[in-house]
Amino acid sequence: QVQLVESGGGLVQAGDSLKLSCAASGGPVSTHTMGWFRQTPGKEREFVAGIIWNGERTDYADAVKGRFTISRENSKSMLYLQMNSLKPEDTAVYYCALRRSLVVEIPIMANEFEDWGQGTQVTVSS
């Protein structure tokens, strides 16, 4: 099982930027699709962004398109989420996720990812 550790969360003001990082260890990740999800109290974990193994294809939730950018650095087993123009509604715990089995399309459902980090809190004040 791959271990995933997120970092980079914090408290920012609306309009600010943050960059989340996810460090993977315990197994190869360079051939796996990875993604970012977020969750607020009482709500389901929702898809934010996904990226295939070589970074050549990405997918984003409509709510973050044009503001967030997912990227990966396979040589360092790292996944990133650059978040710009943050809004109060972006406030959530953000999770890094890995899909072990190969897929053609980027999954957007949380139950399609097998490995998860512990999450990092992002709070955006108005």
Foldseek 3Di string as FASTA:
>chain_A
DKAKAKDWADEEAAQAKTKMKIAIDDDQQLQWKKFKWWDDPPDDIWGAKIAGNPRPDMDGDPVQPPFKDWDADRVRRMIMIIGGRDDQVVWTWMKMFIADDDDDDRDTDPVNTDYIYPTDTHGYHD
